[in-house]
Protein backbone atom coordinates (compact mmCIF):
# COMPACT_ATOMS: atom_id res chain seq x y z
CA UNK A 1 80.45 172.99 80.82
CA UNK A 2 79.19 171.78 84.27
CA UNK A 3 80.07 168.13 83.29
CA UNK A 4 83.49 169.18 82.36
CA UNK A 5 84.04 171.03 85.60
CA UNK A 6 82.74 168.06 87.58
CA UNK A 7 85.07 165.72 85.95
CA UNK A 8 87.96 168.01 86.62
CA UNK A 9 86.85 168.25 90.42
CA UNK A 10 86.65 164.57 90.65
CA UNK A 11 90.14 164.10 88.99
CA UNK A 12 91.62 166.70 91.47
CA UNK A 13 90.13 164.90 94.53
CA UNK A 14 91.75 161.63 93.49
CA UNK A 15 94.92 163.08 92.11
CA UNK A 16 98.00 162.41 94.22
CA UNK A 17 99.79 165.58 92.91
CA UNK A 18 96.71 167.74 93.75
CA UNK A 19 97.05 166.35 97.36
CA UNK A 20 100.79 167.58 97.23
CA UNK A 21 99.85 170.83 95.86
CA UNK A 22 97.30 171.29 98.77
CA UNK A 23 99.94 170.26 101.33
CA UNK A 24 98.14 167.06 102.24
CA UNK A 25 101.08 164.58 101.64
CA UNK A 26 103.57 164.91 104.63
CA UNK A 27 105.81 162.24 103.00
CA UNK A 28 106.95 164.87 100.20
CA UNK A 29 109.98 166.82 100.45
CA UNK A 30 108.84 170.30 99.14
CA UNK A 31 111.83 172.22 98.07
CA UNK A 32 110.43 175.54 96.62
CA UNK A 33 107.10 176.99 95.69
CA UNK A 34 105.40 179.85 94.11
CA UNK A 35 101.75 181.11 93.94
CA UNK A 36 100.92 178.71 91.13
CA UNK A 37 103.28 175.88 91.59
CA UNK A 38 105.13 173.50 93.96
CA UNK A 39 108.52 171.86 93.51
CA UNK A 40 109.49 168.61 95.33
CA UNK A 41 111.66 165.61 95.21
CA UNK A 42 109.92 162.57 93.67
CA UNK A 43 109.97 159.34 95.71
CA UNK A 44 112.29 157.64 93.55
CA UNK A 45 114.61 160.19 91.91
CA UNK A 46 116.54 159.32 88.81
CA UNK A 47 119.47 161.23 90.01
CA UNK A 48 120.52 163.26 92.98
CA UNK A 49 118.56 166.48 92.85
CA UNK A 50 115.89 165.35 90.40
CA UNK A 51 113.07 167.64 91.16
CA UNK A 52 109.27 167.71 90.02
CA UNK A 53 107.49 171.00 89.34
CA UNK A 54 103.66 170.75 89.23
CA UNK A 55 100.93 173.45 88.97
CA UNK A 56 98.69 173.94 92.00
CA UNK A 57 95.67 173.53 89.73
CA UNK A 58 94.74 170.13 88.25
CA UNK A 59 96.02 169.99 84.53
CA UNK A 60 96.25 166.71 82.97
CA UNK A 61 99.50 167.44 80.86
CA UNK A 62 101.55 170.04 79.17
CA UNK A 63 99.25 170.24 76.19
CA UNK A 64 96.12 171.14 78.36
CA UNK A 65 97.84 174.13 80.18
CA UNK A 66 96.88 177.68 79.40
CA UNK A 67 99.49 180.22 78.17
CA UNK A 68 99.71 182.15 81.34
CA UNK A 69 100.26 179.11 83.67
CA UNK A 70 102.68 177.72 81.25
CA UNK A 71 104.75 180.88 81.33
CA UNK A 72 104.70 180.77 85.18
CA UNK A 73 105.80 177.08 85.14
CA UNK A 74 108.56 177.81 82.77
CA UNK A 75 109.77 180.63 85.11
CA UNK A 76 109.54 177.99 87.99
CA UNK A 77 111.72 175.54 85.86
CA UNK A 78 114.52 178.15 85.40
CA UNK A 79 114.29 179.30 89.15
CA UNK A 80 114.36 175.61 90.50
CA UNK A 81 116.77 174.56 87.84
CA UNK A 82 119.27 177.31 88.83
CA UNK A 83 118.93 176.13 92.56
CA UNK A 84 119.43 172.55 91.63
CA UNK A 85 122.61 173.48 89.72
CA UNK A 86 124.01 175.57 92.75
CA UNK A 87 123.18 172.63 95.11
CA UNK A 88 124.53 169.65 93.24
CA UNK A 89 126.69 170.90 90.48
CA UNK A 90 125.69 168.60 87.66
CA UNK A 91 127.45 168.33 84.32
CA UNK A 92 124.28 168.73 82.37
CA UNK A 93 120.46 168.84 82.92
CA UNK A 94 117.23 167.44 81.30
CA UNK A 95 113.80 168.92 81.33
CA UNK A 96 111.23 166.20 80.85
CA UNK A 97 107.51 166.26 80.53
CA UNK A 98 105.47 163.20 79.43
CA UNK A 99 101.83 163.30 78.13
CA UNK A 100 99.87 160.22 78.01
CA UNK A 101 100.52 156.43 78.79
CA UNK A 102 102.41 155.88 75.60
CA UNK A 103 104.88 158.60 76.78
CA UNK A 104 105.26 156.88 80.15
CA UNK A 105 103.12 159.38 82.02
CA UNK A 106 101.79 157.59 85.04
CA UNK A 107 100.43 160.43 87.10
CA UNK A 108 97.95 162.41 85.00
CA UNK A 109 98.77 165.83 86.47
CA UNK A 110 101.16 167.93 84.59
CA UNK A 111 104.58 167.59 86.05
CA UNK A 112 108.04 168.90 84.83
CA UNK A 113 111.08 166.80 85.79
CA UNK A 114 114.30 168.91 86.28
CA UNK A 115 116.93 166.14 86.09
CA UNK A 116 120.57 166.84 86.83
CA UNK A 117 122.90 164.65 84.85
CA UNK A 118 126.50 163.36 84.99
CA UNK A 119 128.74 161.57 82.50
CA UNK A 120 128.25 157.77 83.11
CA UNK A 121 125.13 158.22 85.33
CA UNK A 122 123.49 155.35 83.40
CA UNK A 123 120.24 157.24 82.79
CA UNK A 124 119.49 156.48 79.10
CA UNK A 125 116.99 158.65 77.37
CA UNK A 126 118.58 159.05 73.79
CA UNK A 127 119.38 158.03 71.07
CA UNK A 128 116.38 156.28 69.74
CA UNK A 129 116.72 152.46 69.43
CA UNK A 130 116.59 152.67 65.55
CA UNK A 131 117.11 155.79 63.32
CA UNK A 132 114.12 157.26 61.37
CA UNK A 133 114.14 156.94 57.67
CA UNK A 134 115.17 159.97 55.83
CA UNK A 135 111.90 160.18 53.64
CA UNK A 136 109.82 159.63 56.73
CA UNK A 137 111.69 162.48 58.61
CA UNK A 138 111.15 164.71 55.43
CA UNK A 139 107.39 164.03 55.12
CA UNK A 140 106.96 164.65 58.92
CA UNK A 141 108.74 167.89 58.67
CA UNK A 142 106.50 169.09 55.82
CA UNK A 143 103.37 168.01 57.87
CA UNK A 144 104.62 169.87 61.10
CA UNK A 145 105.53 173.07 59.02
CA UNK A 146 101.94 173.03 57.61
CA UNK A 147 100.24 172.46 61.05
CA UNK A 148 102.26 175.36 62.49
CA UNK A 149 101.12 177.82 59.75
CA UNK A 150 97.56 176.64 60.17
CA UNK A 151 97.59 177.57 63.88
């Protein structure tokens, strides 16, 4: 347990989002905060109003967060998302979280992107480049259903 705690302490000391959570990065434009989280604009927003929400404690990604903090972060997403909607009046909104390099995560501290959207904003997330084959989709659905029942 001590080794895991030491690795987490080392990760948080070198993590740019932990520095933001501790208030150590004066270049960041914080827009809202709670006891367990901070919301701020990323240095290169995808759209006007694009906001990141991070936990104050170091958590590598969404799949590593405990249920209590996850619930608080989701409350923060709703709170900040409502504020962003009032401030910039988007036509739509994305909530995005990436986990791992293959998912394009480049800061390994959980962060939730609230991304306001407008028709023609040229931010392309979907659809996939090629459709999934029907049989593969059915097999995956069976595997996920089975895994859900086993938890």
